[in-house]
Amino acid sequence: MAAIIGGNIGKMIFNVLSTDSTLISLIGNANKIQPIVVYNETPAEGVFYEVLNVENVNTKTTRTADLVVVVYQIECFSKSYITLINISERIQAILDKLSGGTYGGYKIQSNIYLDTSEDYNSKNSLYYRQLTFQCRAI
């Protein structure tokens, strides 16, 4: 079995989100879906993703991990609170209980929604919502 690299989940996230026409119509274009490392202190309107935790799960049948559990966040920023709600609800609908399969070359067993939090960034006048997911990659 080839090694599973949990950090590569960004390929899956981008592939799934960037091909959803409803989400793209809400955010403007797929270029607004990016890894969180593109901004330091000044977020912009868009959708950003970040890996929080990667856990390799070993079984008795293999010498290397044959399952990786990845916890990740999707962070949404918008000048409009209503637009923010629409974007985050669409992302949750797309990613929660995503069917097992291969997305962007990343094979998953399951993907589930865990949590949401929100805030307002007064420095940039942006509403912010963070969605947390757990993915089991095989």
C-alpha atoms as a PDB file:
ATOM      1  CA  MET A   1       0.000   0.000   0.000  1.00  0.00           C
ATOM      2  CA  ALA A   2       1.294   3.467  -0.873  1.00  0.00           C
ATOM      3  CA  ALA A   3       1.718   5.945   1.959  1.00  0.00           C
ATOM      4  CA  ILE A   4      -1.246   8.231   2.570  1.00  0.00           C
ATOM      5  CA  ILE A   5      -0.284  11.833   3.180  1.00  0.00           C
ATOM      6  CA  GLY A   6      -2.936  13.659   5.186  1.00  0.00           C
ATOM      7  CA  GLY A   7      -1.606  17.093   4.299  1.00  0.00           C
ATOM      8  CA  ASN A   8      -2.568  16.467   0.668  1.00  0.00           C
ATOM      9  CA  ILE A   9      -6.233  16.814   1.579  1.00  0.00           C
ATOM     10  CA  GLY A  10      -6.101  20.313   0.081  1.00  0.00           C
ATOM     11  CA  LYS A  11      -6.249  18.658  -3.343  1.00  0.00           C
ATOM     12  CA  MET A  12      -9.553  17.030  -2.414  1.00  0.00           C
ATOM     13  CA  ILE A  13     -10.988  20.199  -0.885  1.00  0.00           C
ATOM     14  CA  PHE A  14     -10.101  22.369  -3.878  1.00  0.00           C
ATOM     15  CA  ASN A  15     -11.299  19.760  -6.388  1.00  0.00           C
ATOM     16  CA  VAL A  16     -14.695  19.333  -4.744  1.00  0.00           C
ATOM     17  CA  LEU A  17     -15.376  22.998  -3.967  1.00  0.00           C
ATOM     18  CA  SER A  18     -14.058  24.482  -7.220  1.00  0.00           C
ATOM     19  CA  THR A  19     -16.297  22.279  -9.359  1.00  0.00           C
ATOM     20  CA  ASP A  20     -19.526  23.308  -7.631  1.00  0.00           C
ATOM     21  CA  SER A  21     -21.220  25.921  -9.809  1.00  0.00           C
ATOM     22  CA  THR A  22     -23.491  27.170  -7.010  1.00  0.00           C
ATOM     23  CA  LEU A  23     -20.538  27.887  -4.719  1.00  0.00           C
ATOM     24  CA  ILE A  24     -18.566  29.539  -7.517  1.00  0.00           C
ATOM     25  CA  SER A  25     -21.519  31.821  -8.272  1.00  0.00           C
ATOM     26  CA  LEU A  26     -21.539  32.884  -4.596  1.00  0.00           C
ATOM     27  CA  ILE A  27     -17.795  33.632  -4.327  1.00  0.00           C
ATOM     28  CA  GLY A  28     -17.096  34.894  -7.860  1.00  0.00           C
ATOM     29  CA  ASN A  29     -14.484  32.418  -9.129  1.00  0.00           C
ATOM     30  CA  ALA A  30     -12.471  29.332  -8.117  1.00  0.00           C
ATOM     31  CA  ASN A  31      -9.365  31.480  -7.503  1.00  0.00           C
ATOM     32  CA  LYS A  32     -11.016  32.566  -4.246  1.00  0.00           C
ATOM     33  CA  ILE A  33     -10.622  29.014  -2.875  1.00  0.00           C
ATOM     34  CA  GLN A  34      -7.113  28.858  -1.436  1.00  0.00           C
ATOM     35  CA  PRO A  35      -5.010  27.319   1.325  1.00  0.00           C
ATOM     36  CA  ILE A  36      -4.947  29.488   4.432  1.00  0.00           C
ATOM     37  CA  VAL A  37      -1.197  30.033   4.129  1.00  0.00           C
ATOM     38  CA  VAL A  38      -1.821  32.680   1.456  1.00  0.00           C
ATOM     39  CA  TYR A  39      -2.774  35.237   4.071  1.00  0.00           C
ATOM     40  CA  ASN A  40      -1.007  36.142   7.295  1.00  0.00           C
ATOM     41  CA  GLU A  41      -2.929  38.854   9.072  1.00  0.00           C
ATOM     42  CA  THR A  42      -5.067  40.346   6.321  1.00  0.00           C
ATOM     43  CA  PRO A  43      -7.793  37.998   5.106  1.00  0.00           C
ATOM     44  CA  ALA A  44      -9.768  38.788   1.981  1.00  0.00           C
ATOM     45  CA  GLU A  45     -13.206  37.731   0.797  1.00  0.00           C
ATOM     46  CA  GLY A  46     -13.095  34.090  -0.164  1.00  0.00           C
ATOM     47  CA  VAL A  47     -12.786  30.528   1.066  1.00  0.00           C
ATOM     48  CA  PHE A  48      -9.630  29.239   2.739  1.00  0.00           C
ATOM     49  CA  TYR A  49      -8.760  25.753   3.992  1.00  0.00           C
ATOM     50  CA  GLU A  50      -6.376  24.594   6.699  1.00  0.00           C
ATOM     51  CA  VAL A  51      -5.282  21.184   8.002  1.00  0.00           C
ATOM     52  CA  LEU A  52      -5.558  21.060  11.806  1.00  0.00           C
ATOM     53  CA  ASN A  53      -4.612  17.496  12.633  1.00  0.00           C
ATOM     54  CA  VAL A  54      -3.390  14.363  10.857  1.00  0.00           C
ATOM     55  CA  GLU A  55      -3.579  10.993  12.608  1.00  0.00           C
ATOM     56  CA  ASN A  56      -2.104   7.880  11.017  1.00  0.00           C
ATOM     57  CA  VAL A  57      -4.076   4.761  11.917  1.00  0.00           C
ATOM     58  CA  ASN A  58      -2.130   1.512  11.744  1.00  0.00           C
ATOM     59  CA  THR A  59      -3.760  -1.898  11.617  1.00  0.00           C
ATOM     60  CA  LYS A  60      -2.345  -5.323  12.371  1.00  0.00           C
ATOM     61  CA  THR A  61      -2.361  -6.216   8.682  1.00  0.00           C
ATOM     62  CA  THR A  62       0.033  -3.590   7.328  1.00  0.00           C
ATOM     63  CA  ARG A  63       3.405  -2.098   8.202  1.00  0.00           C
ATOM     64  CA  THR A  64       2.346   1.420   7.233  1.00  0.00           C
ATOM     65  CA  ALA A  65      -0.804   3.355   8.015  1.00  0.00           C
ATOM     66  CA  ASP A  66      -3.647   2.276   5.769  1.00  0.00           C
ATOM     67  CA  LEU A  67      -5.998   4.954   7.086  1.00  0.00           C
ATOM     68  CA  VAL A  68      -5.391   8.613   7.860  1.00  0.00           C
ATOM     69  CA  VAL A  69      -7.880  10.706   9.822  1.00  0.00           C
ATOM     70  CA  VAL A  70      -7.572  14.392   8.947  1.00  0.00           C
ATOM     71  CA  VAL A  71      -9.344  17.219  10.753  1.00  0.00           C
ATOM     72  CA  TYR A  72      -9.507  20.391   8.679  1.00  0.00           C
ATOM     73  CA  GLN A  73     -11.223  23.770   8.630  1.00  0.00           C
ATOM     74  CA  ILE A  74     -12.839  25.762   5.892  1.00  0.00           C
ATOM     75  CA  GLU A  75     -12.757  29.482   6.636  1.00  0.00           C
ATOM     76  CA  CYS A  76     -15.127  31.817   4.802  1.00  0.00           C
ATOM     77  CA  PHE A  77     -14.857  35.608   4.667  1.00  0.00           C
ATOM     78  CA  SER A  78     -17.449  37.994   3.224  1.00  0.00           C
ATOM     79  CA  LYS A  79     -18.432  41.648   3.530  1.00  0.00           C
ATOM     80  CA  SER A  80     -22.096  40.567   3.704  1.00  0.00           C
ATOM     81  CA  TYR A  81     -23.347  38.419   6.575  1.00  0.00           C
ATOM     82  CA  ILE A  82     -26.133  36.933   4.431  1.00  0.00           C
ATOM     83  CA  THR A  83     -23.637  36.011   1.711  1.00  0.00           C
ATOM     84  CA  LEU A  84     -21.397  34.459   4.358  1.00  0.00           C
ATOM     85  CA  ILE A  85     -24.273  32.282   5.565  1.00  0.00           C
ATOM     86  CA  ASN A  86     -25.084  31.223   1.993  1.00  0.00           C
ATOM     87  CA  ILE A  87     -21.442  30.353   1.251  1.00  0.00           C
ATOM     88  CA  SER A  88     -20.921  28.380   4.451  1.00  0.00           C
ATOM     89  CA  GLU A  89     -24.236  26.521   4.116  1.00  0.00           C
ATOM     90  CA  ARG A  90     -23.304  25.540   0.568  1.00  0.00           C
ATOM     91  CA  ILE A  91     -19.865  24.310   1.655  1.00  0.00           C
ATOM     92  CA  GLN A  92     -21.438  22.264   4.445  1.00  0.00           C
ATOM     93  CA  ALA A  93     -23.923  20.761   1.982  1.00  0.00           C
ATOM     94  CA  ILE A  94     -21.096  19.859  -0.422  1.00  0.00           C
ATOM     95  CA  LEU A  95     -18.627  18.376   2.070  1.00  0.00           C
ATOM     96  CA  ASP A  96     -20.758  16.852   4.835  1.00  0.00           C
ATOM     97  CA  LYS A  97     -21.145  13.136   4.215  1.00  0.00           C
ATOM     98  CA  LEU A  98     -19.245  13.388   0.928  1.00  0.00           C
ATOM     99  CA  SER A  99     -19.344   9.959  -0.719  1.00  0.00           C
ATOM    100  CA  GLY A 100     -16.256   7.810  -0.566  1.00  0.00           C
ATOM    101  CA  GLY A 101     -14.218   8.101  -3.750  1.00  0.00           C
ATOM    102  CA  THR A 102     -11.244   9.843  -5.302  1.00  0.00           C
ATOM    103  CA  TYR A 103     -11.237  13.642  -5.553  1.00  0.00           C
ATOM    104  CA  GLY A 104      -8.251  15.491  -6.963  1.00  0.00           C
ATOM    105  CA  GLY A 105      -6.230  12.273  -6.697  1.00  0.00           C
ATOM    106  CA  TYR A 106      -7.045  11.944  -2.973  1.00  0.00           C
ATOM    107  CA  LYS A 107      -9.005   8.815  -2.035  1.00  0.00           C
ATOM    108  CA  ILE A 108     -11.408   9.157   0.877  1.00  0.00           C
ATOM    109  CA  GLN A 109     -13.574   6.750   2.821  1.00  0.00           C
ATOM    110  CA  SER A 110     -15.782   9.386   4.453  1.00  0.00           C
ATOM    111  CA  ASN A 111     -15.996  13.083   5.248  1.00  0.00           C
ATOM    112  CA  ILE A 112     -18.182  14.545   8.006  1.00  0.00           C
ATOM    113  CA  TYR A 113     -19.030  17.982   9.374  1.00  0.00           C
ATOM    114  CA  LEU A 114     -18.056  18.578  13.020  1.00  0.00           C
ATOM    115  CA  ASP A 115     -18.525  22.211  14.058  1.00  0.00           C
ATOM    116  CA  THR A 116     -19.069  25.865  13.105  1.00  0.00           C
ATOM    117  CA  SER A 117     -18.024  29.132  14.698  1.00  0.00           C
ATOM    118  CA  GLU A 118     -18.238  32.715  13.471  1.00  0.00           C
ATOM    119  CA  ASP A 119     -16.888  36.169  14.168  1.00  0.00           C
ATOM    120  CA  TYR A 120     -16.448  39.631  12.657  1.00  0.00           C
ATOM    121  CA  ASN A 121     -13.075  41.034  11.587  1.00  0.00           C
ATOM    122  CA  SER A 122     -13.485  44.763  12.259  1.00  0.00           C
ATOM    123  CA  LYS A 123     -10.033  45.598  10.874  1.00  0.00           C
ATOM    124  CA  ASN A 124     -11.094  44.467   7.386  1.00  0.00           C
ATOM    125  CA  SER A 125     -14.885  44.767   7.768  1.00  0.00           C
ATOM    126  CA  LEU A 126     -15.342  41.066   7.006  1.00  0.00           C
ATOM    127  CA  TYR A 127     -17.724  38.539   8.489  1.00  0.00           C
ATOM    128  CA  TYR A 128     -16.052  35.217   9.207  1.00  0.00           C
ATOM    129  CA  ARG A 129     -17.341  31.662   9.550  1.00  0.00           C
ATOM    130  CA  GLN A 130     -15.252  28.593  10.204  1.00  0.00           C
ATOM    131  CA  LEU A 131     -16.477  25.045   9.479  1.00  0.00           C
ATOM    132  CA  THR A 132     -14.594  22.015  10.824  1.00  0.00           C
ATOM    133  CA  PHE A 133     -14.638  18.600   9.129  1.00  0.00           C
ATOM    134  CA  GLN A 134     -13.124  15.187   9.655  1.00  0.00           C
ATOM    135  CA  CYS A 135     -12.000  13.102   6.693  1.00  0.00           C
ATOM    136  CA  ARG A 136     -10.938   9.466   6.622  1.00  0.00           C
ATOM    137  CA  ALA A 137      -8.466   8.929   3.777  1.00  0.00           C
ATOM    138  CA  ILE A 138      -7.577   5.483   2.486  1.00  0.00           C
END
